[in-house]
Amino acid sequence: MSRYSNFREFYPFYLAEHANRNCRRMHFIGTSLVLVVVAAAAALRDARWLLLAPLFGYGFAWIGHFAFEKNRPATFRHPLYSFAGDWVMYADVLRGRVRL
């Protein structure tokens, strides 16, 4: 298992693990749904909505990896960097730096 001394070193590896466009799309859908449930929890003042966040966030991402990318999610090897990588990739998609 390779080690990364910082997130900047890790992020190119993270992107390489998401080379398949459908995998990236699944990540984007899952992360978008996480934002929806967080907004719903806040708007409805009901924290139970937050229980759906990991289901959507990880569920869609893992389907993307197992069904399309055919690799093991980086979450298992680098959980914190992987979590950050998902949000950075999401922002990069919105900025047009990563294509869906």
N, C-alpha and C. Protein backbone atom coordinates (compact mmCIF):
# COMPACT_ATOMS: atom_id res chain seq x y z
N MET A 1 0.85 -1.17 0.00
CA MET A 1 0.00 0.00 0.00
C MET A 1 0.90 1.24 0.00
N SER A 2 0.70 2.09 -0.98
CA SER A 2 1.52 3.30 -1.06
C SER A 2 1.03 4.34 -0.06
N ARG A 3 1.93 5.17 0.35
CA ARG A 3 1.61 6.24 1.31
C ARG A 3 1.77 7.58 0.61
N TYR A 4 0.96 8.50 1.03
CA TYR A 4 1.00 9.86 0.50
C TYR A 4 1.25 10.80 1.67
N SER A 5 2.18 11.70 1.49
CA SER A 5 2.50 12.60 2.59
C SER A 5 1.52 13.76 2.71
N ASN A 6 0.75 14.00 1.65
CA ASN A 6 -0.26 15.05 1.70
C ASN A 6 -1.33 14.80 0.63
N PHE A 7 -2.39 15.56 0.72
CA PHE A 7 -3.49 15.37 -0.21
C PHE A 7 -3.10 15.71 -1.64
N ARG A 8 -2.25 16.67 -1.80
CA ARG A 8 -1.82 17.06 -3.16
C ARG A 8 -1.16 15.89 -3.88
N GLU A 9 -0.42 15.09 -3.16
CA GLU A 9 0.19 13.89 -3.75
C GLU A 9 -0.87 12.81 -4.03
N PHE A 10 -1.86 12.74 -3.18
CA PHE A 10 -2.89 11.71 -3.29
C PHE A 10 -3.87 11.96 -4.43
N TYR A 11 -4.23 13.21 -4.67
CA TYR A 11 -5.33 13.52 -5.59
C TYR A 11 -5.12 12.98 -7.01
N PRO A 12 -3.93 13.03 -7.61
CA PRO A 12 -3.77 12.41 -8.94
C PRO A 12 -4.06 10.90 -8.92
N PHE A 13 -3.66 10.22 -7.85
CA PHE A 13 -4.00 8.81 -7.69
C PHE A 13 -5.52 8.65 -7.62
N TYR A 14 -6.17 9.50 -6.86
CA TYR A 14 -7.62 9.44 -6.71
C TYR A 14 -8.30 9.59 -8.07
N LEU A 15 -7.87 10.55 -8.86
CA LEU A 15 -8.46 10.75 -10.18
C LEU A 15 -8.22 9.55 -11.08
N ALA A 16 -7.04 8.95 -10.99
CA ALA A 16 -6.74 7.76 -11.79
C ALA A 16 -7.65 6.59 -11.41
N GLU A 17 -8.05 6.53 -10.16
CA GLU A 17 -8.96 5.49 -9.70
C GLU A 17 -10.40 5.76 -10.15
N HIS A 18 -10.62 6.90 -10.77
CA HIS A 18 -11.94 7.30 -11.27
C HIS A 18 -11.86 7.65 -12.75
N ALA A 19 -11.15 6.84 -13.50
CA ALA A 19 -10.95 7.10 -14.93
C ALA A 19 -12.23 6.85 -15.74
N ASN A 20 -13.07 5.95 -15.27
CA ASN A 20 -14.30 5.63 -15.97
C ASN A 20 -15.34 6.72 -15.75
N ARG A 21 -15.87 7.23 -16.83
CA ARG A 21 -16.84 8.33 -16.76
C ARG A 21 -18.09 7.95 -15.98
N ASN A 22 -18.57 6.72 -16.14
CA ASN A 22 -19.76 6.30 -15.40
C ASN A 22 -19.50 6.22 -13.90
N CYS A 23 -18.30 5.84 -13.52
CA CYS A 23 -17.95 5.83 -12.11
C CYS A 23 -17.99 7.26 -11.56
N ARG A 24 -17.41 8.20 -12.30
CA ARG A 24 -17.45 9.60 -11.87
C ARG A 24 -18.89 10.11 -11.77
N ARG A 25 -19.71 9.69 -12.71
CA ARG A 25 -21.12 10.09 -12.69
C ARG A 25 -21.82 9.56 -11.44
N MET A 26 -21.54 8.32 -11.09
CA MET A 26 -22.15 7.74 -9.88
C MET A 26 -21.70 8.51 -8.64
N HIS A 27 -20.41 8.88 -8.59
CA HIS A 27 -19.91 9.69 -7.48
C HIS A 27 -20.64 11.02 -7.43
N PHE A 28 -20.80 11.65 -8.58
CA PHE A 28 -21.44 12.96 -8.63
C PHE A 28 -22.89 12.88 -8.17
N ILE A 29 -23.61 11.86 -8.61
CA ILE A 29 -25.00 11.68 -8.18
C ILE A 29 -25.06 11.47 -6.67
N GLY A 30 -24.21 10.58 -6.15
CA GLY A 30 -24.21 10.30 -4.72
C GLY A 30 -23.88 11.52 -3.89
N THR A 31 -22.88 12.26 -4.31
CA THR A 31 -22.48 13.46 -3.55
C THR A 31 -23.57 14.53 -3.63
N SER A 32 -24.22 14.65 -4.78
CA SER A 32 -25.33 15.59 -4.91
C SER A 32 -26.47 15.21 -3.97
N LEU A 33 -26.76 13.92 -3.88
CA LEU A 33 -27.82 13.47 -2.98
C LEU A 33 -27.45 13.70 -1.52
N VAL A 34 -26.17 13.60 -1.19
CA VAL A 34 -25.73 13.93 0.17
C VAL A 34 -26.07 15.38 0.48
N LEU A 35 -25.79 16.27 -0.46
CA LEU A 35 -26.12 17.68 -0.25
C LEU A 35 -27.63 17.89 -0.10
N VAL A 36 -28.41 17.14 -0.86
CA VAL A 36 -29.87 17.24 -0.76
C VAL A 36 -30.34 16.81 0.63
N VAL A 37 -29.84 15.69 1.13
CA VAL A 37 -30.31 15.22 2.44
C VAL A 37 -29.82 16.13 3.57
N VAL A 38 -28.64 16.71 3.43
CA VAL A 38 -28.17 17.66 4.44
C VAL A 38 -29.07 18.91 4.42
N ALA A 39 -29.42 19.37 3.23
CA ALA A 39 -30.32 20.52 3.13
C ALA A 39 -31.70 20.18 3.69
N ALA A 40 -32.18 18.97 3.41
CA ALA A 40 -33.48 18.54 3.93
C ALA A 40 -33.45 18.47 5.45
N ALA A 41 -32.37 17.94 6.00
CA ALA A 41 -32.25 17.85 7.46
C ALA A 41 -32.29 19.24 8.09
N ALA A 42 -31.59 20.18 7.45
CA ALA A 42 -31.57 21.54 7.98
C ALA A 42 -32.93 22.22 7.81
N ALA A 43 -33.52 22.09 6.63
CA ALA A 43 -34.79 22.76 6.36
C ALA A 43 -35.92 22.20 7.22
N LEU A 44 -35.91 20.91 7.41
CA LEU A 44 -36.96 20.26 8.18
C LEU A 44 -36.64 20.15 9.67
N ARG A 45 -35.42 20.56 10.01
CA ARG A 45 -34.94 20.46 11.39
C ARG A 45 -35.13 19.05 11.95
N ASP A 46 -34.69 18.11 11.11
CA ASP A 46 -34.85 16.69 11.45
C ASP A 46 -33.55 15.96 11.08
N ALA A 47 -32.76 15.68 12.08
CA ALA A 47 -31.45 15.06 11.86
C ALA A 47 -31.55 13.64 11.32
N ARG A 48 -32.71 13.03 11.38
CA ARG A 48 -32.83 11.67 10.86
C ARG A 48 -32.52 11.59 9.37
N TRP A 49 -32.71 12.68 8.65
CA TRP A 49 -32.36 12.71 7.23
C TRP A 49 -30.88 12.41 7.02
N LEU A 50 -30.08 12.79 7.99
CA LEU A 50 -28.63 12.60 7.86
C LEU A 50 -28.22 11.13 7.80
N LEU A 51 -29.09 10.25 8.25
CA LEU A 51 -28.80 8.82 8.16
C LEU A 51 -28.68 8.35 6.72
N LEU A 52 -29.31 9.09 5.81
CA LEU A 52 -29.24 8.74 4.39
C LEU A 52 -27.93 9.18 3.73
N ALA A 53 -27.24 10.12 4.33
CA ALA A 53 -26.02 10.68 3.71
C ALA A 53 -24.98 9.59 3.40
N PRO A 54 -24.60 8.75 4.35
CA PRO A 54 -23.60 7.71 4.01
C PRO A 54 -24.13 6.70 2.99
N LEU A 55 -25.41 6.40 3.07
CA LEU A 55 -26.00 5.47 2.11
C LEU A 55 -25.86 6.00 0.69
N PHE A 56 -26.22 7.26 0.50
CA PHE A 56 -26.11 7.86 -0.83
C PHE A 56 -24.66 8.08 -1.22
N GLY A 57 -23.89 8.68 -0.33
CA GLY A 57 -22.50 9.01 -0.65
C GLY A 57 -21.66 7.80 -0.98
N TYR A 58 -21.67 6.83 -0.09
CA TYR A 58 -20.85 5.63 -0.32
C TYR A 58 -21.54 4.64 -1.25
N GLY A 59 -22.85 4.52 -1.14
CA GLY A 59 -23.57 3.56 -1.98
C GLY A 59 -23.38 3.81 -3.46
N PHE A 60 -23.62 5.03 -3.89
CA PHE A 60 -23.47 5.34 -5.31
C PHE A 60 -22.01 5.23 -5.74
N ALA A 61 -21.09 5.68 -4.90
CA ALA A 61 -19.67 5.60 -5.25
C ALA A 61 -19.22 4.15 -5.39
N TRP A 62 -19.61 3.31 -4.46
CA TRP A 62 -19.18 1.91 -4.51
C TRP A 62 -19.79 1.18 -5.69
N ILE A 63 -21.04 1.49 -6.03
CA ILE A 63 -21.63 0.91 -7.24
C ILE A 63 -20.81 1.32 -8.44
N GLY A 64 -20.40 2.58 -8.48
CA GLY A 64 -19.57 3.06 -9.59
C GLY A 64 -18.26 2.30 -9.70
N HIS A 65 -17.65 2.03 -8.57
CA HIS A 65 -16.37 1.31 -8.59
C HIS A 65 -16.55 -0.16 -8.98
N PHE A 66 -17.51 -0.81 -8.38
CA PHE A 66 -17.67 -2.25 -8.61
C PHE A 66 -18.29 -2.54 -9.98
N ALA A 67 -19.24 -1.72 -10.43
CA ALA A 67 -19.95 -1.98 -11.69
C ALA A 67 -19.22 -1.42 -12.91
N PHE A 68 -18.56 -0.28 -12.77
CA PHE A 68 -17.98 0.39 -13.93
C PHE A 68 -16.46 0.44 -13.91
N GLU A 69 -15.90 0.87 -12.82
CA GLU A 69 -14.45 1.05 -12.74
C GLU A 69 -13.74 -0.29 -12.55
N LYS A 70 -14.43 -1.23 -11.93
CA LYS A 70 -13.88 -2.58 -11.67
C LYS A 70 -12.64 -2.52 -10.78
N ASN A 71 -12.69 -1.66 -9.78
CA ASN A 71 -11.59 -1.57 -8.82
C ASN A 71 -12.14 -1.43 -7.41
N ARG A 72 -11.26 -1.49 -6.47
CA ARG A 72 -11.63 -1.37 -5.06
C ARG A 72 -11.58 0.11 -4.68
N PRO A 73 -12.64 0.65 -4.08
CA PRO A 73 -12.64 2.07 -3.72
C PRO A 73 -11.44 2.45 -2.85
N ALA A 74 -10.90 3.62 -3.12
CA ALA A 74 -9.76 4.13 -2.35
C ALA A 74 -10.13 4.35 -0.88
N THR A 75 -11.41 4.41 -0.59
CA THR A 75 -11.89 4.59 0.78
C THR A 75 -11.31 3.53 1.72
N PHE A 76 -11.14 2.32 1.21
CA PHE A 76 -10.65 1.23 2.04
C PHE A 76 -9.18 1.39 2.42
N ARG A 77 -8.42 2.06 1.56
CA ARG A 77 -6.98 2.23 1.82
C ARG A 77 -6.63 3.60 2.37
N HIS A 78 -7.37 4.60 1.96
CA HIS A 78 -7.07 5.99 2.34
C HIS A 78 -8.39 6.71 2.67
N PRO A 79 -9.01 6.38 3.79
CA PRO A 79 -10.36 6.90 4.05
C PRO A 79 -10.48 8.42 4.12
N LEU A 80 -9.56 9.10 4.78
CA LEU A 80 -9.70 10.56 4.91
C LEU A 80 -9.38 11.27 3.61
N TYR A 81 -8.29 10.87 2.96
CA TYR A 81 -7.96 11.49 1.67
C TYR A 81 -9.02 11.18 0.63
N SER A 82 -9.58 9.99 0.68
CA SER A 82 -10.63 9.61 -0.27
C SER A 82 -11.89 10.45 -0.06
N PHE A 83 -12.25 10.66 1.19
CA PHE A 83 -13.41 11.50 1.50
C PHE A 83 -13.19 12.91 0.95
N ALA A 84 -12.01 13.46 1.21
CA ALA A 84 -11.69 14.79 0.69
C ALA A 84 -11.64 14.79 -0.84
N GLY A 85 -11.09 13.71 -1.41
CA GLY A 85 -10.99 13.60 -2.86
C GLY A 85 -12.35 13.64 -3.54
N ASP A 86 -13.34 13.02 -2.91
CA ASP A 86 -14.67 13.04 -3.49
C ASP A 86 -15.21 14.46 -3.58
N TRP A 87 -15.01 15.24 -2.53
CA TRP A 87 -15.51 16.62 -2.55
C TRP A 87 -14.71 17.51 -3.50
N VAL A 88 -13.41 17.28 -3.59
CA VAL A 88 -12.60 18.06 -4.53
C VAL A 88 -12.98 17.71 -5.96
N MET A 89 -13.17 16.41 -6.23
CA MET A 89 -13.59 16.00 -7.57
C MET A 89 -14.96 16.58 -7.90
N TYR A 90 -15.86 16.60 -6.94
CA TYR A 90 -17.18 17.19 -7.14
C TYR A 90 -17.04 18.67 -7.54
N ALA A 91 -16.22 19.39 -6.80
CA ALA A 91 -15.99 20.80 -7.12
C ALA A 91 -15.32 20.94 -8.49
N ASP A 92 -14.40 20.05 -8.80
CA ASP A 92 -13.73 20.10 -10.11
C ASP A 92 -14.70 19.83 -11.25
N VAL A 93 -15.67 18.96 -11.03
CA VAL A 93 -16.71 18.74 -12.04
C VAL A 93 -17.51 20.02 -12.24
N LEU A 94 -17.91 20.65 -11.15
CA LEU A 94 -18.68 21.90 -11.26
C LEU A 94 -17.89 23.00 -11.94
N ARG A 95 -16.58 23.01 -11.74
CA ARG A 95 -15.71 24.02 -12.38
C ARG A 95 -15.33 23.67 -13.81
N GLY A 96 -15.67 22.47 -14.25
CA GLY A 96 -15.33 22.04 -15.61
C GLY A 96 -13.93 21.47 -15.73
N ARG A 97 -13.27 21.19 -14.62
CA ARG A 97 -11.91 20.63 -14.66
C ARG A 97 -11.92 19.11 -14.82
N VAL A 98 -13.00 18.47 -14.39
CA VAL A 98 -13.18 17.04 -14.55
C VAL A 98 -14.48 16.85 -15.30
N ARG A 99 -14.45 16.01 -16.33
CA ARG A 99 -15.64 15.81 -17.17
C ARG A 99 -16.46 14.63 -16.70
N LEU A 100 -17.76 14.78 -16.86
CA LEU A 100 -18.67 13.67 -16.63
C LEU A 100 -19.00 13.12 -17.98
